[in-house]
C-alpha atoms as a PDB file:
ATOM      1  CA  MET A   1       0.234   0.252  -0.046  1.00  0.00           C
ATOM      2  CA  ARG A   2       2.802   2.361   0.657  1.00  0.00           C
ATOM      3  CA  LYS A   3       4.385   1.517  -2.862  1.00  0.00           C
ATOM      4  CA  GLN A   4       1.205   2.441  -4.408  1.00  0.00           C
ATOM      5  CA  SER A   5       0.497   5.526  -2.235  1.00  0.00           C
ATOM      6  CA  HIS A   6       4.161   6.754  -3.361  1.00  0.00           C
ATOM      7  CA  ARG A   7       3.486   6.318  -6.945  1.00  0.00           C
ATOM      8  CA  SER A   8      -0.110   7.890  -6.841  1.00  0.00           C
ATOM      9  CA  ARG A   9       1.854  10.833  -5.454  1.00  0.00           C
ATOM     10  CA  ALA A  10       4.111  10.840  -7.776  1.00  0.00           C
ATOM     11  CA  VAL A  11       1.522  10.770 -10.778  1.00  0.00           C
ATOM     12  CA  LEU A  12      -0.388  13.816  -9.133  1.00  0.00           C
ATOM     13  CA  ALA A  13       2.837  15.520  -9.284  1.00  0.00           C
ATOM     14  CA  MET A  14       3.236  14.911 -12.798  1.00  0.00           C
ATOM     15  CA  VAL A  15      -0.043  15.928 -13.573  1.00  0.00           C
ATOM     16  CA  VAL A  16       0.357  19.102 -11.513  1.00  0.00           C
ATOM     17  CA  ALA A  17       3.599  20.039 -13.087  1.00  0.00           C
ATOM     18  CA  ALA A  18       2.130  19.571 -16.754  1.00  0.00           C
ATOM     19  CA  VAL A  19      -1.113  21.739 -15.983  1.00  0.00           C
ATOM     20  CA  LEU A  20       0.940  24.398 -14.342  1.00  0.00           C
ATOM     21  CA  GLY A  21       3.037  24.348 -17.075  1.00  0.00           C
ATOM     22  CA  VAL A  22       0.459  24.540 -19.927  1.00  0.00           C
ATOM     23  CA  ALA A  23      -1.202  27.330 -18.159  1.00  0.00           C
ATOM     24  CA  GLY A  24       2.272  29.386 -17.803  1.00  0.00           C
ATOM     25  CA  CYS A  25       1.655  30.406 -14.176  1.00  0.00           C
ATOM     26  CA  ASP A  26       3.869  30.056 -11.107  1.00  0.00           C
ATOM     27  CA  ALA A  27       2.212  28.589  -8.250  1.00  0.00           C
ATOM     28  CA  VAL A  28       4.118  31.042  -5.787  1.00  0.00           C
ATOM     29  CA  GLY A  29       3.386  34.151  -7.786  1.00  0.00           C
ATOM     30  CA  GLY A  30       3.080  34.972 -11.381  1.00  0.00           C
ATOM     31  CA  ASN A  31       6.747  36.199 -12.185  1.00  0.00           C
ATOM     32  CA  SER A  32       7.821  33.015 -13.686  1.00  0.00           C
ATOM     33  CA  ALA A  33       8.248  33.087 -17.682  1.00  0.00           C
ATOM     34  CA  GLY A  34       5.639  31.746 -19.734  1.00  0.00           C
ATOM     35  CA  PRO A  35       6.379  29.287 -22.629  1.00  0.00           C
ATOM     36  CA  SER A  36       8.790  29.846 -25.364  1.00  0.00           C
ATOM     37  CA  GLY A  37       8.324  28.496 -28.930  1.00  0.00           C
ATOM     38  CA  THR A  38       5.512  28.946 -31.615  1.00  0.00           C
ATOM     39  CA  LYS A  39       2.879  28.102 -29.167  1.00  0.00           C
ATOM     40  CA  ALA A  40       3.735  30.982 -26.978  1.00  0.00           C
ATOM     41  CA  GLN A  41       1.074  33.863 -26.884  1.00  0.00           C
ATOM     42  CA  LYS A  42       2.205  36.868 -27.443  1.00  0.00           C
ATOM     43  CA  ALA A  43       0.794  40.077 -26.143  1.00  0.00           C
ATOM     44  CA  LYS A  44      -0.591  42.533 -28.684  1.00  0.00           C
ATOM     45  CA  PRO A  45      -0.150  46.168 -28.256  1.00  0.00           C
ATOM     46  CA  SER A  46      -3.537  48.207 -27.790  1.00  0.00           C
ATOM     47  CA  PRO A  47      -4.561  49.709 -31.520  1.00  0.00           C
ATOM     48  CA  THR A  48      -3.989  53.803 -31.899  1.00  0.00           C
ATOM     49  CA  PRO A  49      -7.477  55.060 -31.648  1.00  0.00           C
ATOM     50  CA  THR A  50      -8.623  56.562 -34.905  1.00  0.00           C
ATOM     51  CA  TRP A  51     -10.416  59.624 -33.321  1.00  0.00           C
ATOM     52  CA  ASP A  52      -8.255  61.698 -30.896  1.00  0.00           C
ATOM     53  CA  VAL A  53     -10.819  63.735 -28.624  1.00  0.00           C
ATOM     54  CA  SER A  54      -7.900  66.762 -28.197  1.00  0.00           C
ATOM     55  CA  PRO A  55      -6.818  67.633 -31.476  1.00  0.00           C
ATOM     56  CA  SER A  56      -4.479  70.660 -31.078  1.00  0.00           C
ATOM     57  CA  SER A  57      -5.215  72.589 -34.190  1.00  0.00           C
ATOM     58  CA  ILE A  58      -8.548  73.889 -36.104  1.00  0.00           C
ATOM     59  CA  ALA A  59      -9.367  75.283 -39.436  1.00  0.00           C
ATOM     60  CA  ALA A  60     -13.071  75.993 -40.225  1.00  0.00           C
ATOM     61  CA  VAL A  61     -14.430  75.847 -43.589  1.00  0.00           C
ATOM     62  CA  GLY A  62     -18.465  76.657 -44.359  1.00  0.00           C
ATOM     63  CA  ASP A  63     -20.788  79.875 -44.626  1.00  0.00           C
ATOM     64  CA  SER A  64     -22.058  82.842 -42.713  1.00  0.00           C
ATOM     65  CA  ILE A  65     -23.046  81.009 -39.479  1.00  0.00           C
ATOM     66  CA  THR A  66     -19.456  79.853 -39.044  1.00  0.00           C
ATOM     67  CA  ARG A  67     -18.507  83.591 -39.831  1.00  0.00           C
ATOM     68  CA  GLY A  68     -20.539  84.700 -36.887  1.00  0.00           C
ATOM     69  CA  PHE A  69     -22.602  86.971 -39.837  1.00  0.00           C
ATOM     70  CA  ASP A  70     -25.605  89.062 -38.177  1.00  0.00           C
ATOM     71  CA  ALA A  71     -24.566  88.235 -34.566  1.00  0.00           C
ATOM     72  CA  CYS A  72     -22.821  91.266 -33.678  1.00  0.00           C
ATOM     73  CA  THR A  73     -24.073  93.767 -36.125  1.00  0.00           C
ATOM     74  CA  VAL A  74     -26.415  93.931 -39.206  1.00  0.00           C
ATOM     75  CA  LEU A  75     -25.636  92.344 -42.249  1.00  0.00           C
ATOM     76  CA  SER A  76     -21.793  92.068 -41.223  1.00  0.00           C
ATOM     77  CA  ASP A  77     -19.540  89.586 -40.180  1.00  0.00           C
ATOM     78  CA  CYS A  78     -18.350  88.788 -36.289  1.00  0.00           C
ATOM     79  CA  PRO A  79     -15.686  86.146 -36.658  1.00  0.00           C
ATOM     80  CA  GLU A  80     -14.831  86.582 -32.807  1.00  0.00           C
ATOM     81  CA  VAL A  81     -18.394  85.265 -31.956  1.00  0.00           C
ATOM     82  CA  SER A  82     -17.827  82.483 -34.739  1.00  0.00           C
ATOM     83  CA  TRP A  83     -19.161  78.766 -32.591  1.00  0.00           C
ATOM     84  CA  ALA A  84     -15.926  77.199 -34.670  1.00  0.00           C
ATOM     85  CA  THR A  85     -13.015  79.583 -34.108  1.00  0.00           C
ATOM     86  CA  GLY A  86     -14.212  82.557 -32.130  1.00  0.00           C
ATOM     87  CA  SER A  87     -12.418  84.341 -29.214  1.00  0.00           C
ATOM     88  CA  SER A  88     -15.378  85.710 -27.135  1.00  0.00           C
ATOM     89  CA  ALA A  89     -16.090  84.369 -23.698  1.00  0.00           C
ATOM     90  CA  GLN A  90     -19.529  84.324 -24.032  1.00  0.00           C
ATOM     91  CA  VAL A  91     -19.467  81.831 -26.720  1.00  0.00           C
ATOM     92  CA  ASP A  92     -16.284  79.600 -25.383  1.00  0.00           C
ATOM     93  CA  SER A  93     -16.147  78.276 -29.210  1.00  0.00           C
ATOM     94  CA  LEU A  94     -15.066  74.852 -30.145  1.00  0.00           C
ATOM     95  CA  ALA A  95     -11.444  75.899 -30.217  1.00  0.00           C
ATOM     96  CA  VAL A  96     -11.236  77.813 -27.075  1.00  0.00           C
ATOM     97  CA  ARG A  97     -12.833  74.764 -25.500  1.00  0.00           C
ATOM     98  CA  LEU A  98     -10.513  72.213 -27.030  1.00  0.00           C
ATOM     99  CA  LEU A  99      -7.111  74.274 -27.015  1.00  0.00           C
ATOM    100  CA  GLY A 100      -7.584  76.853 -24.444  1.00  0.00           C
ATOM    101  CA  ARG A 101      -7.511  80.919 -25.134  1.00  0.00           C
ATOM    102  CA  ALA A 102      -4.230  81.345 -25.506  1.00  0.00           C
ATOM    103  CA  GLN A 103      -3.704  78.628 -27.896  1.00  0.00           C
ATOM    104  CA  ALA A 104      -6.722  79.054 -29.687  1.00  0.00           C
ATOM    105  CA  ALA A 105      -5.960  82.438 -30.873  1.00  0.00           C
ATOM    106  CA  ALA A 106      -2.543  81.036 -32.370  1.00  0.00           C
ATOM    107  CA  ARG A 107      -3.773  77.306 -33.709  1.00  0.00           C
ATOM    108  CA  SER A 108      -7.195  77.820 -35.230  1.00  0.00           C
ATOM    109  CA  TRP A 109      -8.269  79.414 -38.455  1.00  0.00           C
ATOM    110  CA  ASN A 110     -11.419  80.495 -40.071  1.00  0.00           C
ATOM    111  CA  TYR A 111     -11.923  80.023 -44.074  1.00  0.00           C
ATOM    112  CA  ALA A 112     -15.453  80.247 -44.023  1.00  0.00           C
ATOM    113  CA  VAL A 113     -17.075  82.600 -46.380  1.00  0.00           C
ATOM    114  CA  THR A 114     -20.532  84.498 -45.975  1.00  0.00           C
ATOM    115  CA  GLY A 115     -22.706  83.039 -48.933  1.00  0.00           C
ATOM    116  CA  ALA A 116     -21.149  80.459 -49.714  1.00  0.00           C
ATOM    117  CA  ARG A 117     -22.500  76.975 -50.921  1.00  0.00           C
ATOM    118  CA  MET A 118     -21.130  73.566 -51.343  1.00  0.00           C
ATOM    119  CA  ALA A 119     -19.446  73.967 -54.544  1.00  0.00           C
ATOM    120  CA  ASP A 120     -16.935  76.610 -52.778  1.00  0.00           C
ATOM    121  CA  LEU A 121     -16.061  73.954 -49.972  1.00  0.00           C
ATOM    122  CA  PRO A 122     -13.347  72.052 -52.177  1.00  0.00           C
ATOM    123  CA  GLY A 123     -11.325  75.436 -52.416  1.00  0.00           C
ATOM    124  CA  GLN A 124     -11.840  76.564 -48.828  1.00  0.00           C
ATOM    125  CA  MET A 125     -10.674  72.753 -47.860  1.00  0.00           C
ATOM    126  CA  ALA A 126      -7.492  73.317 -50.050  1.00  0.00           C
ATOM    127  CA  GLN A 127      -6.951  76.663 -47.988  1.00  0.00           C
ATOM    128  CA  ALA A 128      -7.057  75.238 -44.805  1.00  0.00           C
ATOM    129  CA  ALA A 129      -5.210  72.114 -45.659  1.00  0.00           C
ATOM    130  CA  THR A 130      -2.165  74.527 -45.805  1.00  0.00           C
ATOM    131  CA  ARG A 131      -2.366  75.126 -42.376  1.00  0.00           C
ATOM    132  CA  ARG A 132      -1.995  71.420 -41.570  1.00  0.00           C
ATOM    133  CA  PRO A 133      -4.708  71.268 -38.867  1.00  0.00           C
ATOM    134  CA  GLN A 134      -5.902  68.353 -36.799  1.00  0.00           C
ATOM    135  CA  LEU A 135      -9.358  69.071 -37.074  1.00  0.00           C
ATOM    136  CA  VAL A 136     -11.691  70.449 -39.763  1.00  0.00           C
ATOM    137  CA  THR A 137     -15.093  71.686 -39.190  1.00  0.00           C
ATOM    138  CA  VAL A 138     -17.735  71.756 -41.786  1.00  0.00           C
ATOM    139  CA  MET A 139     -20.994  73.764 -41.261  1.00  0.00           C
ATOM    140  CA  ALA A 140     -22.103  74.252 -44.978  1.00  0.00           C
ATOM    141  CA  GLY A 141     -25.406  73.728 -47.013  1.00  0.00           C
ATOM    142  CA  ALA A 142     -27.987  76.058 -45.741  1.00  0.00           C
ATOM    143  CA  ASN A 143     -27.201  78.470 -48.820  1.00  0.00           C
ATOM    144  CA  ASP A 144     -27.478  75.523 -51.236  1.00  0.00           C
ATOM    145  CA  ALA A 145     -31.160  75.577 -50.043  1.00  0.00           C
ATOM    146  CA  CYS A 146     -31.519  79.736 -49.494  1.00  0.00           C
ATOM    147  CA  ARG A 147     -31.780  80.344 -53.440  1.00  0.00           C
ATOM    148  CA  ALA A 148     -34.442  82.665 -55.293  1.00  0.00           C
ATOM    149  CA  SER A 149     -36.368  80.076 -55.855  1.00  0.00           C
ATOM    150  CA  THR A 150     -36.858  76.271 -55.137  1.00  0.00           C
ATOM    151  CA  THR A 151     -35.967  75.037 -58.712  1.00  0.00           C
ATOM    152  CA  ALA A 152     -32.519  77.222 -58.028  1.00  0.00           C
ATOM    153  CA  MET A 153     -31.499  74.936 -55.294  1.00  0.00           C
ATOM    154  CA  THR A 154     -28.364  72.885 -55.916  1.00  0.00           C
ATOM    155  CA  SER A 155     -29.243  69.448 -56.826  1.00  0.00           C
ATOM    156  CA  VAL A 156     -29.037  66.158 -54.361  1.00  0.00           C
ATOM    157  CA  ALA A 157     -26.186  64.843 -56.560  1.00  0.00           C
ATOM    158  CA  SER A 158     -24.172  68.154 -57.145  1.00  0.00           C
ATOM    159  CA  PHE A 159     -24.472  68.626 -53.630  1.00  0.00           C
ATOM    160  CA  ARG A 160     -23.213  64.964 -52.893  1.00  0.00           C
ATOM    161  CA  ALA A 161     -20.023  65.277 -55.373  1.00  0.00           C
ATOM    162  CA  ASP A 162     -18.976  68.677 -54.323  1.00  0.00           C
ATOM    163  CA  PHE A 163     -18.939  67.554 -50.491  1.00  0.00           C
ATOM    164  CA  GLU A 164     -17.086  64.083 -51.611  1.00  0.00           C
ATOM    165  CA  ASP A 165     -14.482  66.579 -53.822  1.00  0.00           C
ATOM    166  CA  ALA A 166     -13.931  68.784 -50.654  1.00  0.00           C
ATOM    167  CA  LEU A 167     -12.968  65.846 -48.230  1.00  0.00           C
ATOM    168  CA  SER A 168     -10.998  64.153 -51.073  1.00  0.00           C
ATOM    169  CA  THR A 169      -9.356  67.323 -51.444  1.00  0.00           C
ATOM    170  CA  LEU A 170      -8.249  67.319 -47.849  1.00  0.00           C
ATOM    171  CA  ARG A 171      -7.224  63.707 -48.101  1.00  0.00           C
ATOM    172  CA  GLU A 172      -4.655  64.259 -50.575  1.00  0.00           C
ATOM    173  CA  SER A 173      -2.654  65.977 -48.465  1.00  0.00           C
ATOM    174  CA  LEU A 174      -3.675  65.270 -44.904  1.00  0.00           C
ATOM    175  CA  PRO A 175      -5.116  61.542 -45.092  1.00  0.00           C
ATOM    176  CA  LYS A 176      -4.974  61.635 -41.038  1.00  0.00           C
ATOM    177  CA  THR A 177      -6.868  65.051 -40.016  1.00  0.00           C
ATOM    178  CA  GLN A 178     -10.182  64.771 -38.644  1.00  0.00           C
ATOM    179  CA  VAL A 179     -13.538  66.406 -39.840  1.00  0.00           C
ATOM    180  CA  TYR A 180     -16.677  67.495 -37.712  1.00  0.00           C
ATOM    181  CA  VAL A 181     -19.472  67.765 -39.896  1.00  0.00           C
ATOM    182  CA  ALA A 182     -22.253  69.978 -38.599  1.00  0.00           C
ATOM    183  CA  SER A 183     -26.303  69.215 -40.046  1.00  0.00           C
ATOM    184  CA  VAL A 184     -27.827  72.001 -41.915  1.00  0.00           C
ATOM    185  CA  PRO A 185     -30.401  73.608 -39.504  1.00  0.00           C
ATOM    186  CA  ASN A 186     -33.902  73.323 -39.549  1.00  0.00           C
ATOM    187  CA  LEU A 187     -34.962  76.551 -42.130  1.00  0.00           C
ATOM    188  CA  LYS A 188     -38.404  75.752 -41.680  1.00  0.00           C
ATOM    189  CA  ARG A 189     -38.179  76.257 -37.719  1.00  0.00           C
ATOM    190  CA  LEU A 190     -36.122  79.553 -38.159  1.00  0.00           C
ATOM    191  CA  TRP A 191     -38.734  80.880 -40.477  1.00  0.00           C
ATOM    192  CA  SER A 192     -41.462  79.957 -37.764  1.00  0.00           C
ATOM    193  CA  GLN A 193     -39.587  81.645 -35.240  1.00  0.00           C
ATOM    194  CA  GLY A 194     -38.334  84.565 -37.016  1.00  0.00           C
ATOM    195  CA  ARG A 195     -41.999  85.817 -38.612  1.00  0.00           C
ATOM    196  CA  THR A 196     -43.188  86.908 -35.111  1.00  0.00           C
ATOM    197  CA  ASN A 197     -40.751  89.804 -35.402  1.00  0.00           C
ATOM    198  CA  PRO A 198     -41.624  92.775 -37.524  1.00  0.00           C
ATOM    199  CA  LEU A 199     -38.065  93.777 -37.853  1.00  0.00           C
ATOM    200  CA  GLY A 200     -36.544  90.768 -39.080  1.00  0.00           C
ATOM    201  CA  LYS A 201     -39.158  90.096 -41.610  1.00  0.00           C
ATOM    202  CA  GLN A 202     -37.909  93.373 -42.939  1.00  0.00           C
ATOM    203  CA  VAL A 203     -34.250  92.584 -43.056  1.00  0.00           C
ATOM    204  CA  TRP A 204     -35.800  89.341 -44.716  1.00  0.00           C
ATOM    205  CA  LYS A 205     -37.079  91.269 -47.527  1.00  0.00           C
ATOM    206  CA  LEU A 206     -33.107  92.473 -48.621  1.00  0.00           C
ATOM    207  CA  GLY A 207     -32.641  88.993 -49.590  1.00  0.00           C
ATOM    208  CA  ILE A 208     -32.070  86.602 -46.974  1.00  0.00           C
ATOM    209  CA  CYS A 209     -32.948  83.078 -47.951  1.00  0.00           C
ATOM    210  CA  PRO A 210     -36.006  84.358 -49.852  1.00  0.00           C
ATOM    211  CA  SER A 211     -36.901  80.601 -50.737  1.00  0.00           C
ATOM    212  CA  MET A 212     -37.932  80.416 -47.220  1.00  0.00           C
ATOM    213  CA  LEU A 213     -38.442  83.322 -46.277  1.00  0.00           C
ATOM    214  CA  GLY A 214     -40.140  85.073 -49.403  1.00  0.00           C
ATOM    215  CA  ASP A 215     -43.586  86.320 -48.362  1.00  0.00           C
ATOM    216  CA  ALA A 216     -42.932  85.244 -44.766  1.00  0.00           C
ATOM    217  CA  ASP A 217     -46.920  85.681 -43.639  1.00  0.00           C
ATOM    218  CA  ALA A 218     -48.314  83.907 -46.671  1.00  0.00           C
ATOM    219  CA  LEU A 219     -49.384  80.501 -45.505  1.00  0.00           C
ATOM    220  CA  ASP A 220     -51.284  79.459 -48.822  1.00  0.00           C
ATOM    221  CA  SER A 221     -50.994  76.266 -50.468  1.00  0.00           C
ATOM    222  CA  ALA A 222     -48.300  77.670 -52.879  1.00  0.00           C
ATOM    223  CA  ALA A 223     -46.162  79.148 -49.934  1.00  0.00           C
ATOM    224  CA  THR A 224     -46.806  76.109 -47.822  1.00  0.00           C
ATOM    225  CA  LEU A 225     -45.657  73.771 -50.964  1.00  0.00           C
ATOM    226  CA  ARG A 226     -42.422  76.171 -51.449  1.00  0.00           C
ATOM    227  CA  ARG A 227     -41.281  76.068 -47.846  1.00  0.00           C
ATOM    228  CA  ASP A 228     -41.976  71.880 -47.584  1.00  0.00           C
ATOM    229  CA  THR A 229     -39.797  71.429 -50.799  1.00  0.00           C
ATOM    230  CA  VAL A 230     -37.136  73.630 -49.122  1.00  0.00           C
ATOM    231  CA  GLN A 231     -37.119  71.377 -46.048  1.00  0.00           C
ATOM    232  CA  LYS A 232     -37.579  68.278 -47.762  1.00  0.00           C
ATOM    233  CA  ARG A 233     -34.126  69.406 -50.009  1.00  0.00           C
ATOM    234  CA  VAL A 234     -32.141  70.200 -46.397  1.00  0.00           C
ATOM    235  CA  GLU A 235     -33.469  66.803 -45.115  1.00  0.00           C
ATOM    236  CA  SER A 236     -31.989  65.482 -47.878  1.00  0.00           C
ATOM    237  CA  TYR A 237     -28.446  67.481 -47.983  1.00  0.00           C
ATOM    238  CA  ASN A 238     -28.313  66.024 -43.958  1.00  0.00           C
ATOM    239  CA  GLN A 239     -28.380  62.792 -45.288  1.00  0.00           C
ATOM    240  CA  VAL A 240     -25.931  63.018 -47.735  1.00  0.00           C
ATOM    241  CA  LEU A 241     -23.500  64.626 -45.137  1.00  0.00           C
ATOM    242  CA  LYS A 242     -24.069  61.638 -42.958  1.00  0.00           C
ATOM    243  CA  GLU A 243     -23.531  58.918 -46.060  1.00  0.00           C
ATOM    244  CA  VAL A 244     -20.436  60.643 -47.148  1.00  0.00           C
ATOM    245  CA  CYS A 245     -19.003  61.217 -43.621  1.00  0.00           C
ATOM    246  CA  GLU A 246     -19.605  57.568 -42.741  1.00  0.00           C
ATOM    247  CA  LYS A 247     -17.257  56.434 -45.321  1.00  0.00           C
ATOM    248  CA  ASP A 248     -14.216  58.464 -44.057  1.00  0.00           C
ATOM    249  CA  ARG A 249     -13.134  56.658 -40.693  1.00  0.00           C
ATOM    250  CA  ARG A 250     -11.788  59.981 -39.287  1.00  0.00           C
ATOM    251  CA  CYS A 251     -15.369  62.266 -39.977  1.00  0.00           C
ATOM    252  CA  ARG A 252     -17.930  62.877 -37.568  1.00  0.00           C
ATOM    253  CA  PHE A 253     -21.225  63.891 -38.275  1.00  0.00           C
ATOM    254  CA  ASP A 254     -23.172  65.488 -35.637  1.00  0.00           C
ATOM    255  CA  GLY A 255     -26.299  63.198 -35.941  1.00  0.00           C
ATOM    256  CA  GLY A 256     -28.538  65.773 -36.887  1.00  0.00           C
ATOM    257  CA  ALA A 257     -28.030  67.699 -33.737  1.00  0.00           C
ATOM    258  CA  VAL A 258     -28.032  71.152 -35.359  1.00  0.00           C
ATOM    259  CA  TYR A 259     -30.759  70.390 -37.407  1.00  0.00           C
ATOM    260  CA  GLU A 260     -32.694  69.389 -34.368  1.00  0.00           C
ATOM    261  CA  TYR A 261     -31.890  71.827 -32.338  1.00  0.00           C
ATOM    262  CA  ARG A 262     -34.801  74.350 -31.350  1.00  0.00           C
ATOM    263  CA  PHE A 263     -33.276  77.501 -32.069  1.00  0.00           C
ATOM    264  CA  GLY A 264     -35.398  80.214 -29.689  1.00  0.00           C
ATOM    265  CA  THR A 265     -35.616  84.165 -30.095  1.00  0.00           C
ATOM    266  CA  ASP A 266     -33.016  84.154 -27.425  1.00  0.00           C
ATOM    267  CA  GLN A 267     -30.601  81.617 -29.761  1.00  0.00           C
ATOM    268  CA  LEU A 268     -31.304  84.186 -33.344  1.00  0.00           C
ATOM    269  CA  SER A 269     -29.819  87.382 -34.248  1.00  0.00           C
ATOM    270  CA  HIS A 270     -31.685  90.184 -33.504  1.00  0.00           C
ATOM    271  CA  TRP A 271     -31.062  92.072 -36.636  1.00  0.00           C
ATOM    272  CA  ASP A 272     -32.484  89.498 -38.720  1.00  0.00           C
ATOM    273  CA  TRP A 273     -34.017  86.745 -36.853  1.00  0.00           C
ATOM    274  CA  PHE A 274     -32.429  83.952 -39.086  1.00  0.00           C
ATOM    275  CA  HIS A 275     -29.025  83.772 -38.193  1.00  0.00           C
ATOM    276  CA  PRO A 276     -27.747  82.535 -34.635  1.00  0.00           C
ATOM    277  CA  SER A 277     -27.087  85.021 -31.971  1.00  0.00           C
ATOM    278  CA  VAL A 278     -24.331  85.213 -29.842  1.00  0.00           C
ATOM    279  CA  ASN A 279     -26.194  82.943 -27.813  1.00  0.00           C
ATOM    280  CA  GLY A 280     -26.929  80.844 -30.291  1.00  0.00           C
ATOM    281  CA  GLN A 281     -23.365  80.648 -31.809  1.00  0.00           C
ATOM    282  CA  ALA A 282     -22.360  79.198 -28.018  1.00  0.00           C
ATOM    283  CA  ARG A 283     -25.430  76.595 -28.400  1.00  0.00           C
ATOM    284  CA  LEU A 284     -23.620  75.114 -31.799  1.00  0.00           C
ATOM    285  CA  ALA A 285     -20.196  75.228 -29.821  1.00  0.00           C
ATOM    286  CA  GLU A 286     -21.668  72.945 -27.423  1.00  0.00           C
ATOM    287  CA  ILE A 287     -22.853  70.787 -29.748  1.00  0.00           C
ATOM    288  CA  ALA A 288     -19.568  70.468 -31.639  1.00  0.00           C
ATOM    289  CA  TYR A 289     -17.812  70.091 -28.511  1.00  0.00           C
ATOM    290  CA  ARG A 290     -20.032  67.460 -27.670  1.00  0.00           C
ATOM    291  CA  THR A 291     -19.723  65.525 -30.801  1.00  0.00           C
ATOM    292  CA  VAL A 292     -15.751  65.922 -31.258  1.00  0.00           C
ATOM    293  CA  THR A 293     -14.845  64.541 -27.614  1.00  0.00           C
ATOM    294  CA  ALA A 294     -17.252  61.514 -27.367  1.00  0.00           C
ATOM    295  CA  LYS A 295     -15.186  58.746 -26.749  1.00  0.00           C
ATOM    296  CA  LYS A 296     -17.367  56.886 -29.694  1.00  0.00           C
ATOM    297  CA  THR A 297     -19.901  57.894 -32.523  1.00  0.00           C
END
C-alpha cells in the first residue's frame, strides 16, 4: 500500500506540473516566464485610436454661420463670436474649449465665407489644408437651399459630388486630419420663429433665404409647398452629409444635432431673426464639442 501511495503521489505531482506548465503560471507568484516557442501567446499592443478627442489645431470651413454673420451688427460678419474659432468669452468656441484661449488664438483658422455654398467647399478645404490642422470643422449647405426659388436650389447629386470633392481635397495632403461635420439647420423652424418679429421680416426682404423666407406671412398652399420643398431638400442634404462622412473613418457627423436644435428667439440674431445670435453660436459650440470629444460615435 505504501508503494502504491508513493506511486500515486508521484503521478499526481507530474499531472500538477504539467497543468501548471501549460497554463504558464507559477504556483508561488506569477513572476515566472511563460512558455516560449511557436505556441507562446504574444501580447498584442493596444491599437491607436482612430479619433483623437483632443486635437491641437483647428481650421473651419463653411458659410455665414461660421463667420458669425449678423451676430454683432446688421449684415456684417463677426468672426470673434464664431462657434468654431471665435475668441469671445460669451461663446467659448470649439477652439477655445479644446485648445484653451491662448492657444486657440494661435492654432485656429477660419476660412468660411458668408454666402458660400457646397461648391465653394473644395477651395476652402484646400486653403485650410495649408495650415495642416488636426481637425477641420464643416458647416455648409444652408445657402444651397436658400436660393431665389426652389428650382434654383443645388441638386442633391451635385451637393454630394461637391462634398466628396471637398473631403478628397483634404485627404490628398492630410489623410489623418479629423473632420467634424455639422448638419444643416432646420430652416423652416427658423422661419417659424423669426416671422413673429416685424424688424426681422423687413431684413428678410433684403434677400435673406428667399426660397424659405420670401412672403413670410403667406400661408396659402403655394407658400406651404414652397417651404416644404426647401425643408425636404435640407433633409436630403443632411442625409448626404451623414452618408459621405460615414465612409471616412476620421469624419464625424453630428447625427443631426444642429438640425434638431430648437433655436428660440434668444438664439437668433436680433438683426435678422434668422442667423444665430451670440447665444446661438454658443449652443452650436456646445454641440460641436460634445461630438468631437465623445469617446465613441
